[in-house]
Amino acid sequence: MHTPIEFYLKTPVELYRAGTPTKSNFDYIRTMPPRTGDQTYDIKINSETGVVDHTSGGVSLFDKPKMDFSPDWWVIPPKTELPPGLQSQKI
């Protein structure tokens, strides 16, 4: 018998997400298919199952705030445990 093991990765550095003064936008994810034809998407949703394609994208996080992009940034502190199933990718 095997014992399942879950690995909890931790963020190595502070991660920043642009938002507004009152909202972090961590929960703002654009879906595919887009609501209108001119919109882009962050994640794709399988139209048959309604399940998110975990390889399709996600929210943008940065290792430092980009003040020319937005004056309002929210932070995930370093060494924050990431929940199981969350993928991160450096581009």
PDB file of N, CA and C in Angstrom:
ATOM      1  N   MET A   1       0.829  -1.175   0.000  1.00  0.00           N
ATOM      2  CA  MET A   1       0.000   0.000   0.000  1.00  0.00           C
ATOM      3  C   MET A   1       0.882   1.250   0.000  1.00  0.00           C
ATOM      4  N   HIS A   2       0.473   2.257  -0.780  1.00  0.00           N
ATOM      5  CA  HIS A   2       1.233   3.491  -0.855  1.00  0.00           C
ATOM      6  C   HIS A   2       0.516   4.590  -0.084  1.00  0.00           C
ATOM      7  N   THR A   3       1.298   5.409   0.559  1.00  0.00           N
ATOM      8  CA  THR A   3       0.750   6.554   1.270  1.00  0.00           C
ATOM      9  C   THR A   3       0.836   7.771   0.376  1.00  0.00           C
ATOM     10  N   PRO A   4      -0.305   8.403   0.040  1.00  0.00           N
ATOM     11  CA  PRO A   4      -0.233   9.597  -0.801  1.00  0.00           C
ATOM     12  C   PRO A   4       0.458  10.738  -0.056  1.00  0.00           C
ATOM     13  N   ILE A   5       1.260  11.474  -0.777  1.00  0.00           N
ATOM     14  CA  ILE A   5       1.977  12.599  -0.193  1.00  0.00           C
ATOM     15  C   ILE A   5       1.631  13.839  -0.998  1.00  0.00           C
ATOM     16  N   GLU A   6       1.295  14.916  -0.315  1.00  0.00           N
ATOM     17  CA  GLU A   6       1.058  16.195  -0.982  1.00  0.00           C
ATOM     18  C   GLU A   6       2.250  17.098  -0.714  1.00  0.00           C
ATOM     19  N   PHE A   7       2.743  17.722  -1.777  1.00  0.00           N
ATOM     20  CA  PHE A   7       3.846  18.658  -1.636  1.00  0.00           C
ATOM     21  C   PHE A   7       3.293  20.066  -1.617  1.00  0.00           C
ATOM     22  N   TYR A   8       3.708  20.835  -0.661  1.00  0.00           N
ATOM     23  CA  TYR A   8       3.305  22.234  -0.587  1.00  0.00           C
ATOM     24  C   TYR A   8       4.516  23.079  -0.929  1.00  0.00           C
ATOM     25  N   LEU A   9       4.513  23.656  -2.107  1.00  0.00           N
ATOM     26  CA  LEU A   9       5.589  24.531  -2.505  1.00  0.00           C
ATOM     27  C   LEU A   9       5.382  25.893  -1.872  1.00  0.00           C
ATOM     28  N   LYS A  10       6.470  26.591  -1.678  1.00  0.00           N
ATOM     29  CA  LYS A  10       6.399  27.933  -1.114  1.00  0.00           C
ATOM     30  C   LYS A  10       6.954  28.926  -2.121  1.00  0.00           C
ATOM     31  N   THR A  11       6.385  30.116  -2.121  1.00  0.00           N
ATOM     32  CA  THR A  11       6.883  31.147  -3.025  1.00  0.00           C
ATOM     33  C   THR A  11       8.284  31.546  -2.577  1.00  0.00           C
ATOM     34  N   PRO A  12       9.237  31.622  -3.512  1.00  0.00           N
ATOM     35  CA  PRO A  12      10.610  31.951  -3.128  1.00  0.00           C
ATOM     36  C   PRO A  12      10.821  33.452  -2.894  1.00  0.00           C
ATOM     37  N   VAL A  13       9.989  34.262  -3.499  1.00  0.00           N
ATOM     38  CA  VAL A  13      10.118  35.720  -3.411  1.00  0.00           C
ATOM     39  C   VAL A  13       8.728  36.329  -3.266  1.00  0.00           C
ATOM     40  N   GLU A  14       8.676  37.626  -3.023  1.00  0.00           N
ATOM     41  CA  GLU A  14       7.391  38.312  -3.052  1.00  0.00           C
ATOM     42  C   GLU A  14       6.848  38.258  -4.474  1.00  0.00           C
ATOM     43  N   LEU A  15       5.545  38.027  -4.604  1.00  0.00           N
ATOM     44  CA  LEU A  15       4.897  38.044  -5.911  1.00  0.00           C
ATOM     45  C   LEU A  15       3.853  39.145  -5.896  1.00  0.00           C
ATOM     46  N   TYR A  16       3.788  39.916  -6.970  1.00  0.00           N
ATOM     47  CA  TYR A  16       2.915  41.086  -7.034  1.00  0.00           C
ATOM     48  C   TYR A  16       1.837  40.896  -8.090  1.00  0.00           C
ATOM     49  N   ARG A  17       0.655  41.426  -7.796  1.00  0.00           N
ATOM     50  CA  ARG A  17      -0.487  41.405  -8.716  1.00  0.00           C
ATOM     51  C   ARG A  17      -1.050  42.813  -8.781  1.00  0.00           C
ATOM     52  N   ALA A  18      -1.217  43.345  -9.987  1.00  0.00           N
ATOM     53  CA  ALA A  18      -1.808  44.667 -10.152  1.00  0.00           C
ATOM     54  C   ALA A  18      -3.288  44.606  -9.792  1.00  0.00           C
ATOM     55  N   GLY A  19      -3.765  45.655  -9.164  1.00  0.00           N
ATOM     56  CA  GLY A  19      -5.169  45.718  -8.781  1.00  0.00           C
ATOM     57  C   GLY A  19      -5.639  47.152  -8.740  1.00  0.00           C
ATOM     58  N   THR A  20      -6.526  47.416  -7.824  1.00  0.00           N
ATOM     59  CA  THR A  20      -7.013  48.771  -7.572  1.00  0.00           C
ATOM     60  C   THR A  20      -6.744  49.069  -6.095  1.00  0.00           C
ATOM     61  N   PRO A  21      -6.961  50.282  -5.637  1.00  0.00           N
ATOM     62  CA  PRO A  21      -6.731  50.562  -4.216  1.00  0.00           C
ATOM     63  C   PRO A  21      -7.571  49.700  -3.270  1.00  0.00           C
ATOM     64  N   THR A  22      -8.716  49.201  -3.737  1.00  0.00           N
ATOM     65  CA  THR A  22      -9.605  48.428  -2.856  1.00  0.00           C
ATOM     66  C   THR A  22      -9.781  46.972  -3.264  1.00  0.00           C
ATOM     67  N   LYS A  23      -9.195  46.546  -4.393  1.00  0.00           N
ATOM     68  CA  LYS A  23      -9.409  45.173  -4.881  1.00  0.00           C
ATOM     69  C   LYS A  23      -8.111  44.621  -5.461  1.00  0.00           C
ATOM     70  N   SER A  24      -7.762  43.407  -5.054  1.00  0.00           N
ATOM     71  CA  SER A  24      -6.495  42.803  -5.479  1.00  0.00           C
ATOM     72  C   SER A  24      -6.525  42.234  -6.895  1.00  0.00           C
ATOM     73  N   ASN A  25      -7.706  41.888  -7.393  1.00  0.00           N
ATOM     74  CA  ASN A  25      -7.869  41.244  -8.706  1.00  0.00           C
ATOM     75  C   ASN A  25      -7.270  39.838  -8.771  1.00  0.00           C
ATOM     76  N   PHE A  26      -6.947  39.222  -7.617  1.00  0.00           N
ATOM     77  CA  PHE A  26      -6.505  37.831  -7.644  1.00  0.00           C
ATOM     78  C   PHE A  26      -7.623  36.922  -8.144  1.00  0.00           C
ATOM     79  N   ASP A  27      -8.860  37.358  -7.976  1.00  0.00           N
ATOM     80  CA  ASP A  27      -9.997  36.549  -8.399  1.00  0.00           C
ATOM     81  C   ASP A  27     -10.522  36.948  -9.780  1.00  0.00           C
ATOM     82  N   TYR A  28      -9.867  37.898 -10.445  1.00  0.00           N
ATOM     83  CA  TYR A  28     -10.318  38.318 -11.772  1.00  0.00           C
ATOM     84  C   TYR A  28      -9.569  37.513 -12.823  1.00  0.00           C
ATOM     85  N   ILE A  29     -10.248  36.525 -13.384  1.00  0.00           N
ATOM     86  CA  ILE A  29      -9.650  35.667 -14.399  1.00  0.00           C
ATOM     87  C   ILE A  29     -10.566  35.670 -15.612  1.00  0.00           C
ATOM     88  N   ARG A  30     -10.002  36.048 -16.742  1.00  0.00           N
ATOM     89  CA  ARG A  30     -10.790  36.063 -17.980  1.00  0.00           C
ATOM     90  C   ARG A  30     -10.883  34.644 -18.521  1.00  0.00           C
ATOM     91  N   THR A  31     -12.074  34.251 -18.932  1.00  0.00           N
ATOM     92  CA  THR A  31     -12.287  32.871 -19.374  1.00  0.00           C
ATOM     93  C   THR A  31     -12.344  32.768 -20.892  1.00  0.00           C
ATOM     94  N   MET A  32     -12.089  31.565 -21.381  1.00  0.00           N
ATOM     95  CA  MET A  32     -12.186  31.250 -22.803  1.00  0.00           C
ATOM     96  C   MET A  32     -13.303  30.251 -22.939  1.00  0.00           C
ATOM     97  N   PRO A  33     -14.275  30.365 -23.748  1.00  0.00           N
ATOM     98  CA  PRO A  33     -14.341  31.422 -24.754  1.00  0.00           C
ATOM     99  C   PRO A  33     -14.640  32.777 -24.114  1.00  0.00           C
ATOM    100  N   PRO A  34     -14.036  33.842 -24.685  1.00  0.00           N
ATOM    101  CA  PRO A  34     -14.273  35.186 -24.135  1.00  0.00           C
ATOM    102  C   PRO A  34     -15.753  35.558 -24.193  1.00  0.00           C
ATOM    103  N   ARG A  35     -16.131  36.476 -23.340  1.00  0.00           N
ATOM    104  CA  ARG A  35     -17.521  36.923 -23.309  1.00  0.00           C
ATOM    105  C   ARG A  35     -17.881  37.684 -24.588  1.00  0.00           C
ATOM    106  N   THR A  36     -16.903  38.394 -25.158  1.00  0.00           N
ATOM    107  CA  THR A  36     -17.108  39.066 -26.441  1.00  0.00           C
ATOM    108  C   THR A  36     -15.912  38.762 -27.330  1.00  0.00           C
ATOM    109  N   GLY A  37     -16.072  38.930 -28.630  1.00  0.00           N
ATOM    110  CA  GLY A  37     -15.044  38.556 -29.590  1.00  0.00           C
ATOM    111  C   GLY A  37     -13.732  39.292 -29.471  1.00  0.00           C
ATOM    112  N   ASP A  38     -13.733  40.501 -28.948  1.00  0.00           N
ATOM    113  CA  ASP A  38     -12.494  41.277 -28.871  1.00  0.00           C
ATOM    114  C   ASP A  38     -11.727  41.062 -27.565  1.00  0.00           C
ATOM    115  N   GLN A  39     -12.234  40.235 -26.665  1.00  0.00           N
ATOM    116  CA  GLN A  39     -11.562  40.010 -25.386  1.00  0.00           C
ATOM    117  C   GLN A  39     -10.516  38.912 -25.493  1.00  0.00           C
ATOM    118  N   THR A  40      -9.491  39.027 -24.659  1.00  0.00           N
ATOM    119  CA  THR A  40      -8.501  37.964 -24.537  1.00  0.00           C
ATOM    120  C   THR A  40      -8.909  37.067 -23.379  1.00  0.00           C
ATOM    121  N   TYR A  41      -8.131  36.023 -23.114  1.00  0.00           N
ATOM    122  CA  TYR A  41      -8.483  35.114 -22.025  1.00  0.00           C
ATOM    123  C   TYR A  41      -7.252  34.768 -21.202  1.00  0.00           C
ATOM    124  N   ASP A  42      -7.457  34.414 -19.944  1.00  0.00           N
ATOM    125  CA  ASP A  42      -6.401  33.932 -19.061  1.00  0.00           C
ATOM    126  C   ASP A  42      -6.442  32.414 -18.937  1.00  0.00           C
ATOM    127  N   ILE A  43      -7.643  31.840 -18.936  1.00  0.00           N
ATOM    128  CA  ILE A  43      -7.803  30.388 -18.834  1.00  0.00           C
ATOM    129  C   ILE A  43      -8.836  29.910 -19.836  1.00  0.00           C
ATOM    130  N   LYS A  44      -8.725  28.639 -20.215  1.00  0.00           N
ATOM    131  CA  LYS A  44      -9.714  28.027 -21.103  1.00  0.00           C
ATOM    132  C   LYS A  44     -10.596  27.083 -20.286  1.00  0.00           C
ATOM    133  N   ILE A  45     -11.884  27.106 -20.599  1.00  0.00           N
ATOM    134  CA  ILE A  45     -12.831  26.203 -19.955  1.00  0.00           C
ATOM    135  C   ILE A  45     -13.361  25.247 -21.016  1.00  0.00           C
ATOM    136  N   ASN A  46     -13.296  23.956 -20.724  1.00  0.00           N
ATOM    137  CA  ASN A  46     -13.816  22.950 -21.633  1.00  0.00           C
ATOM    138  C   ASN A  46     -15.323  23.108 -21.709  1.00  0.00           C
ATOM    139  N   SER A  47     -15.848  23.379 -22.907  1.00  0.00           N
ATOM    140  CA  SER A  47     -17.282  23.645 -23.056  1.00  0.00           C
ATOM    141  C   SER A  47     -18.143  22.410 -22.778  1.00  0.00           C
ATOM    142  N   GLU A  48     -17.570  21.224 -22.920  1.00  0.00           N
ATOM    143  CA  GLU A  48     -18.342  20.005 -22.673  1.00  0.00           C
ATOM    144  C   GLU A  48     -18.413  19.656 -21.186  1.00  0.00           C
ATOM    145  N   THR A  49     -17.304  19.846 -20.483  1.00  0.00           N
ATOM    146  CA  THR A  49     -17.260  19.432 -19.078  1.00  0.00           C
ATOM    147  C   THR A  49     -17.397  20.602 -18.098  1.00  0.00           C
ATOM    148  N   GLY A  50     -17.098  21.826 -18.577  1.00  0.00           N
ATOM    149  CA  GLY A  50     -17.130  22.983 -17.689  1.00  0.00           C
ATOM    150  C   GLY A  50     -15.925  23.072 -16.776  1.00  0.00           C
ATOM    151  N   VAL A  51     -14.905  22.235 -17.022  1.00  0.00           N
ATOM    152  CA  VAL A  51     -13.712  22.184 -16.195  1.00  0.00           C
ATOM    153  C   VAL A  51     -12.615  23.052 -16.814  1.00  0.00           C
ATOM    154  N   VAL A  52     -11.851  23.724 -15.977  1.00  0.00           N
ATOM    155  CA  VAL A  52     -10.752  24.569 -16.438  1.00  0.00           C
ATOM    156  C   VAL A  52      -9.604  23.705 -16.950  1.00  0.00           C
ATOM    157  N   ASP A  53      -9.059  24.080 -18.117  1.00  0.00           N
ATOM    158  CA  ASP A  53      -7.853  23.436 -18.645  1.00  0.00           C
ATOM    159  C   ASP A  53      -6.674  23.983 -17.844  1.00  0.00           C
ATOM    160  N   HIS A  54      -6.070  23.142 -17.013  1.00  0.00           N
ATOM    161  CA  HIS A  54      -5.030  23.608 -16.094  1.00  0.00           C
ATOM    162  C   HIS A  54      -3.746  24.048 -16.789  1.00  0.00           C
ATOM    163  N   THR A  55      -3.607  23.785 -18.077  1.00  0.00           N
ATOM    164  CA  THR A  55      -2.403  24.201 -18.798  1.00  0.00           C
ATOM    165  C   THR A  55      -2.632  25.453 -19.641  1.00  0.00           C
ATOM    166  N   SER A  56      -3.804  26.058 -19.540  1.00  0.00           N
ATOM    167  CA  SER A  56      -4.155  27.137 -20.467  1.00  0.00           C
ATOM    168  C   SER A  56      -3.716  28.524 -20.031  1.00  0.00           C
ATOM    169  N   GLY A  57      -3.307  28.707 -18.807  1.00  0.00           N
ATOM    170  CA  GLY A  57      -2.885  30.042 -18.373  1.00  0.00           C
ATOM    171  C   GLY A  57      -3.320  30.330 -16.960  1.00  0.00           C
ATOM    172  N   GLY A  58      -3.459  31.588 -16.643  1.00  0.00           N
ATOM    173  CA  GLY A  58      -3.850  31.987 -15.302  1.00  0.00           C
ATOM    174  C   GLY A  58      -3.644  33.472 -15.111  1.00  0.00           C
ATOM    175  N   VAL A  59      -3.506  33.898 -13.882  1.00  0.00           N
ATOM    176  CA  VAL A  59      -3.296  35.314 -13.597  1.00  0.00           C
ATOM    177  C   VAL A  59      -1.813  35.645 -13.686  1.00  0.00           C
ATOM    178  N   SER A  60      -1.510  36.885 -14.010  1.00  0.00           N
ATOM    179  CA  SER A  60      -0.128  37.335 -14.105  1.00  0.00           C
ATOM    180  C   SER A  60       0.360  37.831 -12.755  1.00  0.00           C
ATOM    181  N   LEU A  61       1.494  37.317 -12.341  1.00  0.00           N
ATOM    182  CA  LEU A  61       2.165  37.762 -11.125  1.00  0.00           C
ATOM    183  C   LEU A  61       3.579  38.183 -11.508  1.00  0.00           C
ATOM    184  N   PHE A  62       4.133  39.119 -10.755  1.00  0.00           N
ATOM    185  CA  PHE A  62       5.456  39.647 -11.061  1.00  0.00           C
ATOM    186  C   PHE A  62       6.320  39.626  -9.813  1.00  0.00           C
ATOM    187  N   ASP A  63       7.655  39.609  -9.995  1.00  0.00           N
ATOM    188  CA  ASP A  63       8.559  39.613  -8.848  1.00  0.00           C
ATOM    189  C   ASP A  63       8.857  41.019  -8.329  1.00  0.00           C
ATOM    190  N   LYS A  64       8.367  42.026  -9.021  1.00  0.00           N
ATOM    191  CA  LYS A  64       8.437  43.409  -8.530  1.00  0.00           C
ATOM    192  C   LYS A  64       7.325  44.199  -9.204  1.00  0.00           C
ATOM    193  N   PRO A  65       6.814  45.220  -8.544  1.00  0.00           N
ATOM    194  CA  PRO A  65       5.728  45.997  -9.150  1.00  0.00           C
ATOM    195  C   PRO A  65       6.224  46.763 -10.373  1.00  0.00           C
ATOM    196  N   LYS A  66       5.371  46.868 -11.359  1.00  0.00           N
ATOM    197  CA  LYS A  66       5.672  47.623 -12.577  1.00  0.00           C
ATOM    198  C   LYS A  66       4.833  48.898 -12.528  1.00  0.00           C
ATOM    199  N   MET A  67       5.420  49.939 -11.965  1.00  0.00           N
ATOM    200  CA  MET A  67       4.676  51.162 -11.688  1.00  0.00           C
ATOM    201  C   MET A  67       4.168  51.857 -12.949  1.00  0.00           C
ATOM    202  N   ASP A  68       4.815  51.631 -14.093  1.00  0.00           N
ATOM    203  CA  ASP A  68       4.308  52.224 -15.332  1.00  0.00           C
ATOM    204  C   ASP A  68       3.057  51.497 -15.824  1.00  0.00           C
ATOM    205  N   PHE A  69       2.800  50.299 -15.292  1.00  0.00           N
ATOM    206  CA  PHE A  69       1.614  49.531 -15.652  1.00  0.00           C
ATOM    207  C   PHE A  69       0.432  49.878 -14.756  1.00  0.00           C
ATOM    208  N   SER A  70       0.697  49.992 -13.448  1.00  0.00           N
ATOM    209  CA  SER A  70      -0.356  50.296 -12.475  1.00  0.00           C
ATOM    210  C   SER A  70       0.270  50.873 -11.215  1.00  0.00           C
ATOM    211  N   PRO A  71      -0.388  51.836 -10.561  1.00  0.00           N
ATOM    212  CA  PRO A  71       0.137  52.345  -9.299  1.00  0.00           C
ATOM    213  C   PRO A  71      -0.272  51.494  -8.091  1.00  0.00           C
ATOM    214  N   ASP A  72      -1.192  50.564  -8.277  1.00  0.00           N
ATOM    215  CA  ASP A  72      -1.748  49.788  -7.159  1.00  0.00           C
ATOM    216  C   ASP A  72      -1.362  48.316  -7.285  1.00  0.00           C
ATOM    217  N   TRP A  73      -0.576  47.822  -6.322  1.00  0.00           N
ATOM    218  CA  TRP A  73      -0.081  46.449  -6.351  1.00  0.00           C
ATOM    219  C   TRP A  73      -0.386  45.748  -5.037  1.00  0.00           C
ATOM    220  N   TRP A  74      -0.717  44.463  -5.145  1.00  0.00           N
ATOM    221  CA  TRP A  74      -0.965  43.623  -3.985  1.00  0.00           C
ATOM    222  C   TRP A  74       0.140  42.572  -3.962  1.00  0.00           C
ATOM    223  N   VAL A  75       0.480  42.084  -2.776  1.00  0.00           N
ATOM    224  CA  VAL A  75       1.644  41.207  -2.651  1.00  0.00           C
ATOM    225  C   VAL A  75       1.288  39.884  -1.977  1.00  0.00           C
ATOM    226  N   ILE A  76       1.926  38.815  -2.475  1.00  0.00           N
ATOM    227  CA  ILE A  76       1.934  37.517  -1.800  1.00  0.00           C
ATOM    228  C   ILE A  76       3.321  37.433  -1.163  1.00  0.00           C
ATOM    229  N   PRO A  77       3.400  37.354   0.162  1.00  0.00           N
ATOM    230  CA  PRO A  77       4.707  37.359   0.834  1.00  0.00           C
ATOM    231  C   PRO A  77       5.557  36.136   0.465  1.00  0.00           C
ATOM    232  N   PRO A  78       6.890  36.277   0.565  1.00  0.00           N
ATOM    233  CA  PRO A  78       7.743  35.113   0.318  1.00  0.00           C
ATOM    234  C   PRO A  78       7.459  34.008   1.325  1.00  0.00           C
ATOM    235  N   LYS A  79       7.684  32.790   0.907  1.00  0.00           N
ATOM    236  CA  LYS A  79       7.484  31.584   1.723  1.00  0.00           C
ATOM    237  C   LYS A  79       6.020  31.296   2.005  1.00  0.00           C
ATOM    238  N   THR A  80       5.115  31.891   1.202  1.00  0.00           N
ATOM    239  CA  THR A  80       3.698  31.566   1.309  1.00  0.00           C
ATOM    240  C   THR A  80       3.471  30.190   0.697  1.00  0.00           C
ATOM    241  N   GLU A  81       2.797  29.296   1.416  1.00  0.00           N
ATOM    242  CA  GLU A  81       2.515  27.963   0.893  1.00  0.00           C
ATOM    243  C   GLU A  81       1.473  28.049  -0.218  1.00  0.00           C
ATOM    244  N   LEU A  82       1.764  27.386  -1.322  1.00  0.00           N
ATOM    245  CA  LEU A  82       0.820  27.325  -2.429  1.00  0.00           C
ATOM    246  C   LEU A  82      -0.066  26.106  -2.254  1.00  0.00           C
ATOM    247  N   PRO A  83      -1.354  26.226  -2.532  1.00  0.00           N
ATOM    248  CA  PRO A  83      -2.254  25.082  -2.356  1.00  0.00           C
ATOM    249  C   PRO A  83      -1.961  23.979  -3.365  1.00  0.00           C
ATOM    250  N   PRO A  84      -2.291  22.743  -3.015  1.00  0.00           N
ATOM    251  CA  PRO A  84      -2.070  21.624  -3.943  1.00  0.00           C
ATOM    252  C   PRO A  84      -2.778  21.873  -5.270  1.00  0.00           C
ATOM    253  N   GLY A  85      -2.135  21.525  -6.354  1.00  0.00           N
ATOM    254  CA  GLY A  85      -2.731  21.659  -7.670  1.00  0.00           C
ATOM    255  C   GLY A  85      -2.461  22.991  -8.343  1.00  0.00           C
ATOM    256  N   LEU A  86      -1.965  23.972  -7.595  1.00  0.00           N
ATOM    257  CA  LEU A  86      -1.652  25.265  -8.199  1.00  0.00           C
ATOM    258  C   LEU A  86      -0.322  25.152  -8.922  1.00  0.00           C
ATOM    259  N   GLN A  87      -0.304  25.554 -10.161  1.00  0.00           N
ATOM    260  CA  GLN A  87       0.922  25.511 -10.952  1.00  0.00           C
ATOM    261  C   GLN A  87       1.469  26.913 -11.104  1.00  0.00           C
ATOM    262  N   SER A  88       2.783  27.018 -11.098  1.00  0.00           N
ATOM    263  CA  SER A  88       3.406  28.298 -11.386  1.00  0.00           C
ATOM    264  C   SER A  88       4.413  28.094 -12.509  1.00  0.00           C
ATOM    265  N   GLN A  89       4.614  29.136 -13.277  1.00  0.00           N
ATOM    266  CA  GLN A  89       5.487  29.041 -14.430  1.00  0.00           C
ATOM    267  C   GLN A  89       6.202  30.372 -14.619  1.00  0.00           C
ATOM    268  N   LYS A  90       7.488  30.310 -14.820  1.00  0.00           N
ATOM    269  CA  LYS A  90       8.251  31.519 -15.082  1.00  0.00           C
ATOM    270  C   LYS A  90       8.369  31.678 -16.593  1.00  0.00           C
ATOM    271  N   ILE A  91       7.957  32.833 -17.079  1.00  0.00           N
ATOM    272  CA  ILE A  91       8.007  33.087 -18.522  1.00  0.00           C
ATOM    273  C   ILE A  91       9.015  34.170 -18.795  1.00  0.00           C
TER     274      ILE A  91
END
